[in-house]
C-alpha atoms as a PDB file:
ATOM      1  CA  MET A   1      60.318  11.635 -48.238  1.00  0.00           C
ATOM      2  CA  LYS A   2      57.403   9.559 -49.865  1.00  0.00           C
ATOM      3  CA  ILE A   3      55.277  11.258 -52.013  1.00  0.00           C
ATOM      4  CA  SER A   4      52.069  10.255 -54.169  1.00  0.00           C
ATOM      5  CA  VAL A   5      50.194  12.067 -56.507  1.00  0.00           C
ATOM      6  CA  PHE A   6      46.462  11.298 -57.418  1.00  0.00           C
ATOM      7  CA  GLY A   7      46.290  12.751 -61.021  1.00  0.00           C
ATOM      8  CA  ALA A   8      48.338  13.172 -63.486  1.00  0.00           C
ATOM      9  CA  GLY A   9      46.781  16.101 -65.613  1.00  0.00           C
ATOM     10  CA  ALA A  10      49.416  18.321 -66.428  1.00  0.00           C
ATOM     11  CA  TRP A  11      49.427  19.922 -63.081  1.00  0.00           C
ATOM     12  CA  GLY A  12      49.651  16.307 -61.058  1.00  0.00           C
ATOM     13  CA  THR A  13      52.448  15.222 -63.320  1.00  0.00           C
ATOM     14  CA  ALA A  14      54.582  18.898 -62.900  1.00  0.00           C
ATOM     15  CA  VAL A  15      54.424  18.137 -59.352  1.00  0.00           C
ATOM     16  CA  ALA A  16      55.693  14.449 -59.426  1.00  0.00           C
ATOM     17  CA  CYS A  17      58.599  15.774 -61.651  1.00  0.00           C
ATOM     18  CA  TYR A  18      59.412  18.080 -59.462  1.00  0.00           C
ATOM     19  CA  CYS A  19      59.249  16.354 -56.314  1.00  0.00           C
ATOM     20  CA  ASP A  20      61.043  13.603 -57.737  1.00  0.00           C
ATOM     21  CA  ARG A  21      63.720  16.280 -59.401  1.00  0.00           C
ATOM     22  CA  ILE A  22      64.650  17.192 -55.367  1.00  0.00           C
ATOM     23  CA  GLY A  23      65.198  13.721 -54.319  1.00  0.00           C
ATOM     24  CA  HIS A  24      61.798  12.507 -52.824  1.00  0.00           C
ATOM     25  CA  ALA A  25      60.517   8.909 -53.565  1.00  0.00           C
ATOM     26  CA  VAL A  26      57.713   9.666 -56.024  1.00  0.00           C
ATOM     27  CA  THR A  27      54.240   7.703 -56.665  1.00  0.00           C
ATOM     28  CA  LEU A  28      52.070   9.035 -59.473  1.00  0.00           C
ATOM     29  CA  LEU A  29      48.631   7.595 -59.793  1.00  0.00           C
ATOM     30  CA  PRO A  30      46.603   8.542 -63.141  1.00  0.00           C
ATOM     31  CA  LYS A  31      42.827   7.585 -63.247  1.00  0.00           C
ATOM     32  CA  PHE A  32      42.650   5.314 -65.992  1.00  0.00           C
ATOM     33  CA  GLU A  33      44.732   2.137 -66.566  1.00  0.00           C
ATOM     34  CA  ASP A  34      44.849   3.162 -70.085  1.00  0.00           C
ATOM     35  CA  GLN A  35      46.763   6.401 -69.049  1.00  0.00           C
ATOM     36  CA  ALA A  36      48.778   4.971 -66.624  1.00  0.00           C
ATOM     37  CA  LYS A  37      50.168   2.160 -69.607  1.00  0.00           C
ATOM     38  CA  LYS A  38      50.821   4.878 -71.991  1.00  0.00           C
ATOM     39  CA  MET A  39      53.166   7.028 -69.283  1.00  0.00           C
ATOM     40  CA  VAL A  40      54.886   3.633 -68.705  1.00  0.00           C
ATOM     41  CA  LYS A  41      55.210   3.133 -72.284  1.00  0.00           C
ATOM     42  CA  PHE A  42      56.514   6.546 -73.468  1.00  0.00           C
ATOM     43  CA  HIS A  43      58.270   8.003 -70.306  1.00  0.00           C
ATOM     44  CA  GLU A  44      55.903  10.884 -70.761  1.00  0.00           C
ATOM     45  CA  ASN A  45      52.336  12.249 -70.363  1.00  0.00           C
ATOM     46  CA  VAL A  46      52.148  13.121 -73.843  1.00  0.00           C
ATOM     47  CA  ASP A  47      48.236  13.684 -73.112  1.00  0.00           C
ATOM     48  CA  PHE A  48      48.782  16.355 -71.024  1.00  0.00           C
ATOM     49  CA  LEU A  49      52.517  17.237 -70.502  1.00  0.00           C
ATOM     50  CA  PRO A  50      53.875  16.829 -73.376  1.00  0.00           C
ATOM     51  CA  GLY A  51      57.952  17.106 -74.068  1.00  0.00           C
ATOM     52  CA  ILE A  52      58.521  16.554 -70.197  1.00  0.00           C
ATOM     53  CA  SER A  53      60.478  13.146 -69.289  1.00  0.00           C
ATOM     54  CA  LEU A  54      59.298  11.102 -66.533  1.00  0.00           C
ATOM     55  CA  ALA A  55      62.040   9.750 -64.693  1.00  0.00           C
ATOM     56  CA  ASP A  56      62.808   5.895 -64.005  1.00  0.00           C
ATOM     57  CA  GLU A  57      62.539   6.337 -60.530  1.00  0.00           C
ATOM     58  CA  ILE A  58      58.752   7.538 -60.540  1.00  0.00           C
ATOM     59  CA  VAL A  59      56.382   4.868 -59.734  1.00  0.00           C
ATOM     60  CA  ILE A  60      53.312   4.929 -62.153  1.00  0.00           C
ATOM     61  CA  THR A  61      50.527   2.983 -61.049  1.00  0.00           C
ATOM     62  CA  THR A  62      46.217   3.461 -60.364  1.00  0.00           C
ATOM     63  CA  ASP A  63      46.371   1.613 -57.423  1.00  0.00           C
ATOM     64  CA  VAL A  64      45.332   3.558 -54.331  1.00  0.00           C
ATOM     65  CA  ALA A  65      46.621   1.627 -51.772  1.00  0.00           C
ATOM     66  CA  THR A  66      49.857   1.278 -53.012  1.00  0.00           C
ATOM     67  CA  GLY A  67      49.751   5.309 -53.192  1.00  0.00           C
ATOM     68  CA  LEU A  68      48.650   5.484 -49.804  1.00  0.00           C
ATOM     69  CA  ARG A  69      50.756   3.178 -47.845  1.00  0.00           C
ATOM     70  CA  GLY A  70      53.540   4.392 -46.264  1.00  0.00           C
ATOM     71  CA  ALA A  71      53.365   7.766 -47.956  1.00  0.00           C
ATOM     72  CA  ASP A  72      54.098  11.030 -46.337  1.00  0.00           C
ATOM     73  CA  VAL A  73      52.204  13.547 -48.287  1.00  0.00           C
ATOM     74  CA  ALA A  74      49.735  12.895 -50.873  1.00  0.00           C
ATOM     75  CA  PHE A  75      48.929  15.806 -53.393  1.00  0.00           C
ATOM     76  CA  LEU A  76      45.398  15.471 -54.448  1.00  0.00           C
ATOM     77  CA  ALA A  77      45.577  16.807 -58.447  1.00  0.00           C
ATOM     78  CA  CYS A  78      42.486  16.006 -60.136  1.00  0.00           C
ATOM     79  CA  PRO A  79      40.003  18.635 -61.455  1.00  0.00           C
ATOM     80  CA  ALA A  80      36.776  19.780 -59.339  1.00  0.00           C
ATOM     81  CA  VAL A  81      34.267  17.538 -60.604  1.00  0.00           C
ATOM     82  CA  GLY A  82      36.274  14.398 -59.417  1.00  0.00           C
ATOM     83  CA  MET A  83      37.255  15.384 -56.141  1.00  0.00           C
ATOM     84  CA  GLU A  84      34.482  14.033 -54.319  1.00  0.00           C
ATOM     85  CA  ASP A  85      35.249  10.456 -56.376  1.00  0.00           C
ATOM     86  CA  LEU A  86      38.793  10.589 -55.049  1.00  0.00           C
ATOM     87  CA  CYS A  87      37.872  11.507 -51.545  1.00  0.00           C
ATOM     88  CA  LEU A  88      35.700   8.547 -51.327  1.00  0.00           C
ATOM     89  CA  SER A  89      38.405   6.196 -52.947  1.00  0.00           C
ATOM     90  CA  LEU A  90      40.721   7.449 -50.115  1.00  0.00           C
ATOM     91  CA  LYS A  91      38.046   7.151 -47.409  1.00  0.00           C
ATOM     92  CA  TYR A  92      37.401   3.475 -48.582  1.00  0.00           C
ATOM     93  CA  THR A  93      41.305   2.348 -48.810  1.00  0.00           C
ATOM     94  CA  SER A  94      42.484   4.307 -45.900  1.00  0.00           C
ATOM     95  CA  GLU A  95      40.112   2.019 -43.307  1.00  0.00           C
ATOM     96  CA  GLY A  96      41.663   0.389 -40.997  1.00  0.00           C
ATOM     97  CA  MET A  97      44.983   2.417 -40.959  1.00  0.00           C
ATOM     98  CA  ASP A  98      46.364   4.092 -38.293  1.00  0.00           C
ATOM     99  CA  ARG A  99      45.854   7.523 -37.454  1.00  0.00           C
ATOM    100  CA  ASP A 100      48.956   8.574 -37.128  1.00  0.00           C
ATOM    101  CA  ASN A 101      50.305   6.647 -40.453  1.00  0.00           C
ATOM    102  CA  LEU A 102      47.820   8.515 -42.587  1.00  0.00           C
ATOM    103  CA  PRO A 103      49.635  10.921 -45.162  1.00  0.00           C
ATOM    104  CA  LEU A 104      48.816  14.935 -45.026  1.00  0.00           C
ATOM    105  CA  LEU A 105      46.457  15.581 -47.941  1.00  0.00           C
ATOM    106  CA  ILE A 106      48.103  18.768 -50.100  1.00  0.00           C
ATOM    107  CA  SER A 107      44.950  19.567 -52.766  1.00  0.00           C
ATOM    108  CA  LEU A 108      46.250  21.158 -55.547  1.00  0.00           C
ATOM    109  CA  CYS A 109      42.483  21.515 -57.398  1.00  0.00           C
ATOM    110  CA  LYS A 110      41.381  25.186 -58.820  1.00  0.00           C
ATOM    111  CA  GLY A 111      37.612  24.859 -58.461  1.00  0.00           C
ATOM    112  CA  ILE A 112      34.025  23.962 -56.861  1.00  0.00           C
ATOM    113  CA  GLN A 113      32.147  21.109 -57.211  1.00  0.00           C
ATOM    114  CA  ASN A 114      29.029  22.429 -58.841  1.00  0.00           C
ATOM    115  CA  GLU A 115      26.234  20.284 -57.233  1.00  0.00           C
ATOM    116  CA  ASN A 116      26.767  21.843 -53.580  1.00  0.00           C
ATOM    117  CA  LEU A 117      29.276  24.248 -54.056  1.00  0.00           C
ATOM    118  CA  GLU A 118      31.956  22.441 -52.139  1.00  0.00           C
ATOM    119  CA  MET A 119      35.658  23.266 -52.327  1.00  0.00           C
ATOM    120  CA  ALA A 120      38.568  20.718 -52.004  1.00  0.00           C
ATOM    121  CA  SER A 121      38.792  21.098 -48.130  1.00  0.00           C
ATOM    122  CA  ASP A 122      35.067  21.150 -47.441  1.00  0.00           C
ATOM    123  CA  LEU A 123      35.226  17.788 -49.118  1.00  0.00           C
ATOM    124  CA  ILE A 124      38.325  16.646 -47.425  1.00  0.00           C
ATOM    125  CA  GLU A 125      36.533  17.382 -43.997  1.00  0.00           C
ATOM    126  CA  ARG A 126      33.586  15.756 -44.968  1.00  0.00           C
ATOM    127  CA  ILE A 127      34.642  13.049 -46.354  1.00  0.00           C
ATOM    128  CA  LEU A 128      37.927  12.290 -44.563  1.00  0.00           C
ATOM    129  CA  PRO A 129      38.019  13.905 -41.395  1.00  0.00           C
ATOM    130  CA  ASN A 130      40.759  11.746 -39.928  1.00  0.00           C
ATOM    131  CA  PHE A 131      43.348  13.268 -42.592  1.00  0.00           C
ATOM    132  CA  GLU A 132      45.423  16.777 -41.876  1.00  0.00           C
ATOM    133  CA  TYR A 133      44.868  18.811 -45.232  1.00  0.00           C
ATOM    134  CA  GLY A 134      46.411  21.876 -46.558  1.00  0.00           C
ATOM    135  CA  VAL A 135      46.657  23.343 -50.033  1.00  0.00           C
ATOM    136  CA  LEU A 136      49.544  24.350 -52.309  1.00  0.00           C
ATOM    137  CA  ALA A 137      49.034  27.052 -54.600  1.00  0.00           C
ATOM    138  CA  GLY A 138      50.877  30.335 -56.688  1.00  0.00           C
ATOM    139  CA  PRO A 139      51.323  31.132 -60.088  1.00  0.00           C
ATOM    140  CA  THR A 140      53.098  28.167 -61.714  1.00  0.00           C
ATOM    141  CA  ASN A 141      53.099  26.843 -65.232  1.00  0.00           C
ATOM    142  CA  ALA A 142      53.149  23.239 -65.296  1.00  0.00           C
ATOM    143  CA  LYS A 143      55.722  22.762 -67.659  1.00  0.00           C
ATOM    144  CA  GLU A 144      58.284  25.082 -65.806  1.00  0.00           C
ATOM    145  CA  VAL A 145      57.437  23.407 -62.743  1.00  0.00           C
ATOM    146  CA  ALA A 146      58.162  20.308 -63.867  1.00  0.00           C
ATOM    147  CA  GLU A 147      62.054  21.562 -65.358  1.00  0.00           C
ATOM    148  CA  CYS A 148      62.358  23.141 -61.845  1.00  0.00           C
ATOM    149  CA  ARG A 149      62.654  26.396 -63.489  1.00  0.00           C
ATOM    150  CA  ASN A 150      62.398  29.310 -60.972  1.00  0.00           C
ATOM    151  CA  ALA A 151      58.971  30.177 -59.623  1.00  0.00           C
ATOM    152  CA  ALA A 152      57.385  30.655 -56.115  1.00  0.00           C
ATOM    153  CA  MET A 153      54.311  29.101 -54.143  1.00  0.00           C
ATOM    154  CA  VAL A 154      52.524  28.814 -50.872  1.00  0.00           C
ATOM    155  CA  LEU A 155      51.884  26.222 -48.745  1.00  0.00           C
ATOM    156  CA  ALA A 156      48.619  26.414 -46.773  1.00  0.00           C
ATOM    157  CA  THR A 157      47.963  24.357 -43.637  1.00  0.00           C
ATOM    158  CA  LYS A 158      47.016  24.376 -40.348  1.00  0.00           C
ATOM    159  CA  SER A 159      48.976  20.867 -39.614  1.00  0.00           C
ATOM    160  CA  LYS A 160      51.986  20.607 -37.633  1.00  0.00           C
ATOM    161  CA  LYS A 161      54.029  19.366 -40.262  1.00  0.00           C
ATOM    162  CA  ILE A 162      53.909  22.161 -42.033  1.00  0.00           C
ATOM    163  CA  TYR A 163      57.101  23.754 -41.534  1.00  0.00           C
ATOM    164  CA  LYS A 164      58.841  20.212 -42.634  1.00  0.00           C
ATOM    165  CA  MET A 165      56.523  20.260 -45.501  1.00  0.00           C
ATOM    166  CA  GLN A 166      57.780  23.719 -46.058  1.00  0.00           C
ATOM    167  CA  GLU A 167      61.547  22.477 -46.076  1.00  0.00           C
ATOM    168  CA  ALA A 168      60.591  19.069 -47.829  1.00  0.00           C
ATOM    169  CA  MET A 169      59.234  21.213 -51.115  1.00  0.00           C
ATOM    170  CA  ASN A 170      61.879  24.007 -51.169  1.00  0.00           C
ATOM    171  CA  SER A 171      64.797  23.888 -53.502  1.00  0.00           C
ATOM    172  CA  GLU A 172      67.296  25.940 -55.342  1.00  0.00           C
ATOM    173  CA  LYS A 173      64.918  26.929 -58.217  1.00  0.00           C
ATOM    174  CA  ILE A 174      61.725  27.188 -56.113  1.00  0.00           C
ATOM    175  CA  ARG A 175      60.526  29.063 -53.285  1.00  0.00           C
ATOM    176  CA  ILE A 176      58.022  27.936 -50.718  1.00  0.00           C
ATOM    177  CA  TYR A 177      56.121  29.960 -48.427  1.00  0.00           C
ATOM    178  CA  SER A 178      53.977  29.008 -45.239  1.00  0.00           C
ATOM    179  CA  SER A 179      50.848  29.972 -44.712  1.00  0.00           C
ATOM    180  CA  ILE A 180      47.798  28.341 -42.457  1.00  0.00           C
ATOM    181  CA  ASP A 181      45.296  30.435 -44.191  1.00  0.00           C
ATOM    182  CA  VAL A 182      43.909  27.542 -46.282  1.00  0.00           C
ATOM    183  CA  ARG A 183      40.979  29.144 -46.863  1.00  0.00           C
ATOM    184  CA  GLY A 184      41.882  32.189 -48.352  1.00  0.00           C
ATOM    185  CA  THR A 185      44.987  30.529 -50.369  1.00  0.00           C
ATOM    186  CA  GLU A 186      42.497  28.032 -51.813  1.00  0.00           C
ATOM    187  CA  LEU A 187      39.596  30.741 -52.746  1.00  0.00           C
ATOM    188  CA  GLY A 188      42.500  32.553 -54.677  1.00  0.00           C
ATOM    189  CA  GLY A 189      43.405  29.724 -56.581  1.00  0.00           C
ATOM    190  CA  CYS A 190      39.894  29.305 -57.487  1.00  0.00           C
ATOM    191  CA  LEU A 191      38.813  32.485 -58.313  1.00  0.00           C
ATOM    192  CA  LYS A 192      41.600  33.766 -60.480  1.00  0.00           C
ATOM    193  CA  ASN A 193      40.223  30.863 -63.231  1.00  0.00           C
ATOM    194  CA  VAL A 194      37.075  33.302 -63.695  1.00  0.00           C
ATOM    195  CA  TYR A 195      38.890  36.093 -64.077  1.00  0.00           C
ATOM    196  CA  ALA A 196      41.495  34.614 -66.540  1.00  0.00           C
ATOM    197  CA  VAL A 197      38.594  33.962 -68.805  1.00  0.00           C
ATOM    198  CA  GLY A 198      37.580  37.463 -68.764  1.00  0.00           C
ATOM    199  CA  ALA A 199      41.014  38.380 -69.223  1.00  0.00           C
ATOM    200  CA  GLY A 200      41.504  36.273 -72.383  1.00  0.00           C
ATOM    201  CA  ILE A 201      37.755  37.921 -73.695  1.00  0.00           C
ATOM    202  CA  CYS A 202      39.820  41.501 -73.565  1.00  0.00           C
ATOM    203  CA  ASP A 203      42.616  40.071 -75.877  1.00  0.00           C
ATOM    204  CA  GLY A 204      39.997  37.967 -78.099  1.00  0.00           C
ATOM    205  CA  LEU A 205      38.408  41.220 -78.709  1.00  0.00           C
ATOM    206  CA  GLY A 206      41.365  43.233 -78.960  1.00  0.00           C
ATOM    207  CA  LEU A 207      40.068  45.664 -76.605  1.00  0.00           C
ATOM    208  CA  GLY A 208      43.584  46.966 -75.830  1.00  0.00           C
ATOM    209  CA  ASP A 209      46.084  47.881 -73.466  1.00  0.00           C
ATOM    210  CA  ASN A 210      44.034  50.342 -71.318  1.00  0.00           C
ATOM    211  CA  ALA A 211      41.056  48.476 -70.918  1.00  0.00           C
ATOM    212  CA  LYS A 212      42.783  45.143 -70.215  1.00  0.00           C
ATOM    213  CA  ALA A 213      44.658  47.250 -67.139  1.00  0.00           C
ATOM    214  CA  ALA A 214      41.429  48.586 -65.803  1.00  0.00           C
ATOM    215  CA  TYR A 215      39.864  44.811 -66.084  1.00  0.00           C
ATOM    216  CA  LEU A 216      42.932  43.578 -64.444  1.00  0.00           C
ATOM    217  CA  THR A 217      42.728  46.202 -61.602  1.00  0.00           C
ATOM    218  CA  ARG A 218      38.828  45.985 -60.965  1.00  0.00           C
ATOM    219  CA  SER A 219      38.805  42.108 -61.157  1.00  0.00           C
ATOM    220  CA  LEU A 220      41.582  41.961 -58.540  1.00  0.00           C
ATOM    221  CA  LYS A 221      39.410  44.248 -56.434  1.00  0.00           C
ATOM    222  CA  GLU A 222      36.583  42.028 -57.017  1.00  0.00           C
ATOM    223  CA  LEU A 223      38.254  38.806 -56.319  1.00  0.00           C
ATOM    224  CA  VAL A 224      39.885  40.390 -52.869  1.00  0.00           C
ATOM    225  CA  THR A 225      36.125  41.266 -51.814  1.00  0.00           C
ATOM    226  CA  ILE A 226      34.597  38.217 -52.746  1.00  0.00           C
ATOM    227  CA  GLY A 227      37.539  35.951 -50.837  1.00  0.00           C
ATOM    228  CA  VAL A 228      37.435  37.929 -47.654  1.00  0.00           C
ATOM    229  CA  ALA A 229      33.379  37.835 -47.844  1.00  0.00           C
ATOM    230  CA  LEU A 230      33.972  34.154 -48.023  1.00  0.00           C
ATOM    231  CA  GLY A 231      36.447  33.465 -45.047  1.00  0.00           C
ATOM    232  CA  GLY A 232      39.714  34.341 -46.334  1.00  0.00           C
ATOM    233  CA  GLN A 233      42.386  36.770 -44.894  1.00  0.00           C
ATOM    234  CA  GLU A 234      42.898  39.876 -47.028  1.00  0.00           C
ATOM    235  CA  GLU A 235      46.707  39.541 -47.277  1.00  0.00           C
ATOM    236  CA  THR A 236      45.779  36.341 -48.601  1.00  0.00           C
ATOM    237  CA  PHE A 237      44.864  37.622 -51.685  1.00  0.00           C
ATOM    238  CA  TYR A 238      47.596  40.171 -52.546  1.00  0.00           C
ATOM    239  CA  GLY A 239      50.177  37.459 -52.267  1.00  0.00           C
ATOM    240  CA  LEU A 240      51.072  34.161 -54.506  1.00  0.00           C
ATOM    241  CA  SER A 241      48.297  32.800 -54.363  1.00  0.00           C
ATOM    242  CA  GLY A 242      46.127  35.341 -55.457  1.00  0.00           C
ATOM    243  CA  PHE A 243      47.715  38.166 -57.029  1.00  0.00           C
ATOM    244  CA  GLY A 244      50.546  36.129 -57.968  1.00  0.00           C
ATOM    245  CA  ASP A 245      48.303  33.598 -59.468  1.00  0.00           C
ATOM    246  CA  PHE A 246      45.696  35.952 -60.994  1.00  0.00           C
ATOM    247  CA  ILE A 247      48.329  37.656 -62.979  1.00  0.00           C
ATOM    248  CA  ALA A 248      50.018  34.647 -64.126  1.00  0.00           C
ATOM    249  CA  THR A 249      46.647  32.753 -65.188  1.00  0.00           C
ATOM    250  CA  CYS A 250      45.416  36.245 -66.621  1.00  0.00           C
ATOM    251  CA  MET A 251      48.333  37.415 -68.681  1.00  0.00           C
ATOM    252  CA  GLY A 252      50.251  33.636 -69.649  1.00  0.00           C
ATOM    253  CA  SER A 253      49.917  32.302 -73.135  1.00  0.00           C
ATOM    254  CA  TRP A 254      49.880  28.773 -71.756  1.00  0.00           C
ATOM    255  CA  SER A 255      46.403  29.449 -69.639  1.00  0.00           C
ATOM    256  CA  ARG A 256      44.094  27.264 -70.279  1.00  0.00           C
ATOM    257  CA  ASN A 257      41.373  29.681 -69.050  1.00  0.00           C
ATOM    258  CA  ARG A 258      42.714  32.982 -70.468  1.00  0.00           C
ATOM    259  CA  THR A 259      43.171  30.922 -74.250  1.00  0.00           C
ATOM    260  CA  PHE A 260      39.603  29.893 -73.554  1.00  0.00           C
ATOM    261  CA  GLY A 261      38.172  33.178 -73.041  1.00  0.00           C
ATOM    262  CA  GLU A 262      40.262  34.389 -76.055  1.00  0.00           C
ATOM    263  CA  LYS A 263      38.678  32.322 -78.255  1.00  0.00           C
ATOM    264  CA  ILE A 264      35.189  33.105 -77.386  1.00  0.00           C
ATOM    265  CA  GLY A 265      36.136  36.804 -77.765  1.00  0.00           C
ATOM    266  CA  ARG A 266      37.192  36.017 -81.499  1.00  0.00           C
ATOM    267  CA  GLY A 267      34.001  34.474 -81.703  1.00  0.00           C
ATOM    268  CA  GLU A 268      33.871  30.847 -81.197  1.00  0.00           C
ATOM    269  CA  ALA A 269      30.766  29.272 -79.340  1.00  0.00           C
ATOM    270  CA  VAL A 270      31.790  28.186 -75.964  1.00  0.00           C
ATOM    271  CA  ASP A 271      30.089  24.548 -76.113  1.00  0.00           C
ATOM    272  CA  GLU A 272      31.928  23.978 -79.440  1.00  0.00           C
ATOM    273  CA  ILE A 273      35.420  25.173 -77.942  1.00  0.00           C
ATOM    274  CA  LEU A 274      34.691  22.470 -74.608  1.00  0.00           C
ATOM    275  CA  ALA A 275      34.115  19.893 -76.671  1.00  0.00           C
ATOM    276  CA  THR A 276      37.814  19.876 -78.219  1.00  0.00           C
ATOM    277  CA  GLN A 277      39.351  20.708 -74.842  1.00  0.00           C
ATOM    278  CA  LYS A 278      41.152  17.729 -73.476  1.00  0.00           C
ATOM    279  CA  ALA A 279      41.579  19.395 -70.057  1.00  0.00           C
ATOM    280  CA  VAL A 280      39.042  20.828 -67.889  1.00  0.00           C
ATOM    281  CA  VAL A 281      38.837  24.799 -67.830  1.00  0.00           C
ATOM    282  CA  GLU A 282      37.832  25.367 -64.617  1.00  0.00           C
ATOM    283  CA  GLY A 283      36.829  28.720 -64.823  1.00  0.00           C
ATOM    284  CA  TYR A 284      34.101  27.884 -66.859  1.00  0.00           C
ATOM    285  CA  LYS A 285      32.146  25.778 -64.319  1.00  0.00           C
ATOM    286  CA  THR A 286      33.241  27.899 -61.515  1.00  0.00           C
ATOM    287  CA  ALA A 287      31.737  31.360 -62.551  1.00  0.00           C
ATOM    288  CA  ARG A 288      28.650  29.742 -62.106  1.00  0.00           C
ATOM    289  CA  SER A 289      29.748  28.343 -58.741  1.00  0.00           C
ATOM    290  CA  PHE A 290      30.902  31.953 -57.809  1.00  0.00           C
ATOM    291  CA  HIS A 291      27.886  33.773 -59.287  1.00  0.00           C
ATOM    292  CA  LEU A 292      25.560  31.619 -57.325  1.00  0.00           C
ATOM    293  CA  ILE A 293      27.400  32.112 -54.034  1.00  0.00           C
ATOM    294  CA  CYS A 294      27.498  36.200 -54.483  1.00  0.00           C
ATOM    295  CA  GLU A 295      23.986  36.032 -55.426  1.00  0.00           C
ATOM    296  CA  LYS A 296      23.059  34.266 -51.976  1.00  0.00           C
ATOM    297  CA  MET A 297      25.244  36.271 -49.911  1.00  0.00           C
ATOM    298  CA  ASN A 298      24.553  39.078 -51.436  1.00  0.00           C
ATOM    299  CA  ILE A 299      28.160  39.863 -52.722  1.00  0.00           C
ATOM    300  CA  LYS A 300      28.321  42.757 -55.190  1.00  0.00           C
ATOM    301  CA  ALA A 301      30.100  41.153 -58.051  1.00  0.00           C
ATOM    302  CA  PRO A 302      29.615  43.091 -61.500  1.00  0.00           C
ATOM    303  CA  ILE A 303      32.184  41.459 -63.130  1.00  0.00           C
ATOM    304  CA  MET A 304      31.959  37.994 -61.951  1.00  0.00           C
ATOM    305  CA  ALA A 305      28.020  38.101 -63.361  1.00  0.00           C
ATOM    306  CA  GLU A 306      28.723  39.442 -66.735  1.00  0.00           C
ATOM    307  CA  ILE A 307      31.070  36.628 -66.958  1.00  0.00           C
ATOM    308  CA  TYR A 308      28.621  34.481 -65.974  1.00  0.00           C
ATOM    309  CA  GLY A 309      26.061  35.741 -68.372  1.00  0.00           C
ATOM    310  CA  VAL A 310      28.438  35.084 -71.234  1.00  0.00           C
ATOM    311  CA  LEU A 311      29.490  31.708 -70.472  1.00  0.00           C
ATOM    312  CA  LEU A 312      26.481  30.237 -69.062  1.00  0.00           C
ATOM    313  CA  LEU A 313      23.549  32.471 -70.467  1.00  0.00           C
ATOM    314  CA  LYS A 314      24.997  33.220 -73.938  1.00  0.00           C
ATOM    315  CA  LYS A 315      24.901  37.032 -73.123  1.00  0.00           C
ATOM    316  CA  PRO A 316      26.518  39.028 -76.220  1.00  0.00           C
ATOM    317  CA  LEU A 317      29.648  40.113 -75.636  1.00  0.00           C
ATOM    318  CA  LYS A 318      29.188  43.595 -76.426  1.00  0.00           C
ATOM    319  CA  ASP A 319      26.394  43.735 -73.840  1.00  0.00           C
ATOM    320  CA  ALA A 320      28.911  42.643 -70.756  1.00  0.00           C
ATOM    321  CA  VAL A 321      31.232  45.054 -72.027  1.00  0.00           C
ATOM    322  CA  ASN A 322      28.516  47.987 -72.079  1.00  0.00           C
ATOM    323  CA  ALA A 323      27.165  46.663 -68.995  1.00  0.00           C
ATOM    324  CA  LEU A 324      30.496  47.377 -66.924  1.00  0.00           C
ATOM    325  CA  ILE A 325      31.175  50.265 -68.838  1.00  0.00           C
ATOM    326  CA  ASN A 326      27.877  52.144 -67.770  1.00  0.00           C
ATOM    327  CA  ARG A 327      27.573  51.167 -64.619  1.00  0.00           C
ATOM    328  CA  GLN A 328      26.675  53.555 -62.370  1.00  0.00           C
ATOM    329  CA  LEU A 329      29.377  56.228 -61.262  1.00  0.00           C
ATOM    330  CA  LYS A 330      31.368  55.456 -58.027  1.00  0.00           C
ATOM    331  CA  PRO A 331      34.254  56.495 -56.200  1.00  0.00           C
ATOM    332  CA  GLU A 332      36.982  54.210 -56.551  1.00  0.00           C
END
């Protein structure tokens, strides 16, 4: 199978390495020419996935036409903020291509475009209506996937190609499940980043195991409530793209969102932390997006509201914790 990966951050690079390892022909497309040249020179993504060698067989280019031409699947691996530009680029480049020859688009994005609160699937439907699409998600540390270490993911798509894709992405080390709940799978991957920031704050404040366990339990409940209200299937949020990704991102020492929250808990300023980040911390902007959506739809999400307050309104951490602990008593 011929696979293209648009976006060469840690996750995009990892998926490209994994697909190459299991025998597919892979083209990896960084956004910028300088990054592409650097990756070709060092056979490594030194900025976003250091220590992982890029096989000679992986074609590295910034030419979108090369990535689309003959591809069976195109993974979209850019941050949420860049997804609209990428979709527009694919639209212009694919003009004139036969619909039957267009690749299946698989989003790896786990965020929301802030300006109009669109998720990746919304953008694809609006800008690229001729393409079939899906989402790949789950509890996946990029480096471990690149090394083809044991893991499991879920591929969600309504395309008739779902089983062919499931088989093509499956391997002896990484198990791929299928789903038709594209919205729920996508929502789980986005929502968990916000709650991972809160989990990191728990760690940074040194609140202890009891407090963090309570936080994770109530956050998962809230994640499911929001996800179902926004159109996802409840069982999806207890699967790999929901509970699985939630636990990995809230607990993993490698998690950008959890680490970001931990630094906040230790007293570092939000703006100063963001200024030092090479990779996008999706949970920061996503907190604003989901908070606005919850307010608009009257979804009760007190933990989301407090994380939003800390990140965007500079609410003192002590006040946020007290607000959650001292809410009106109710049955679980």
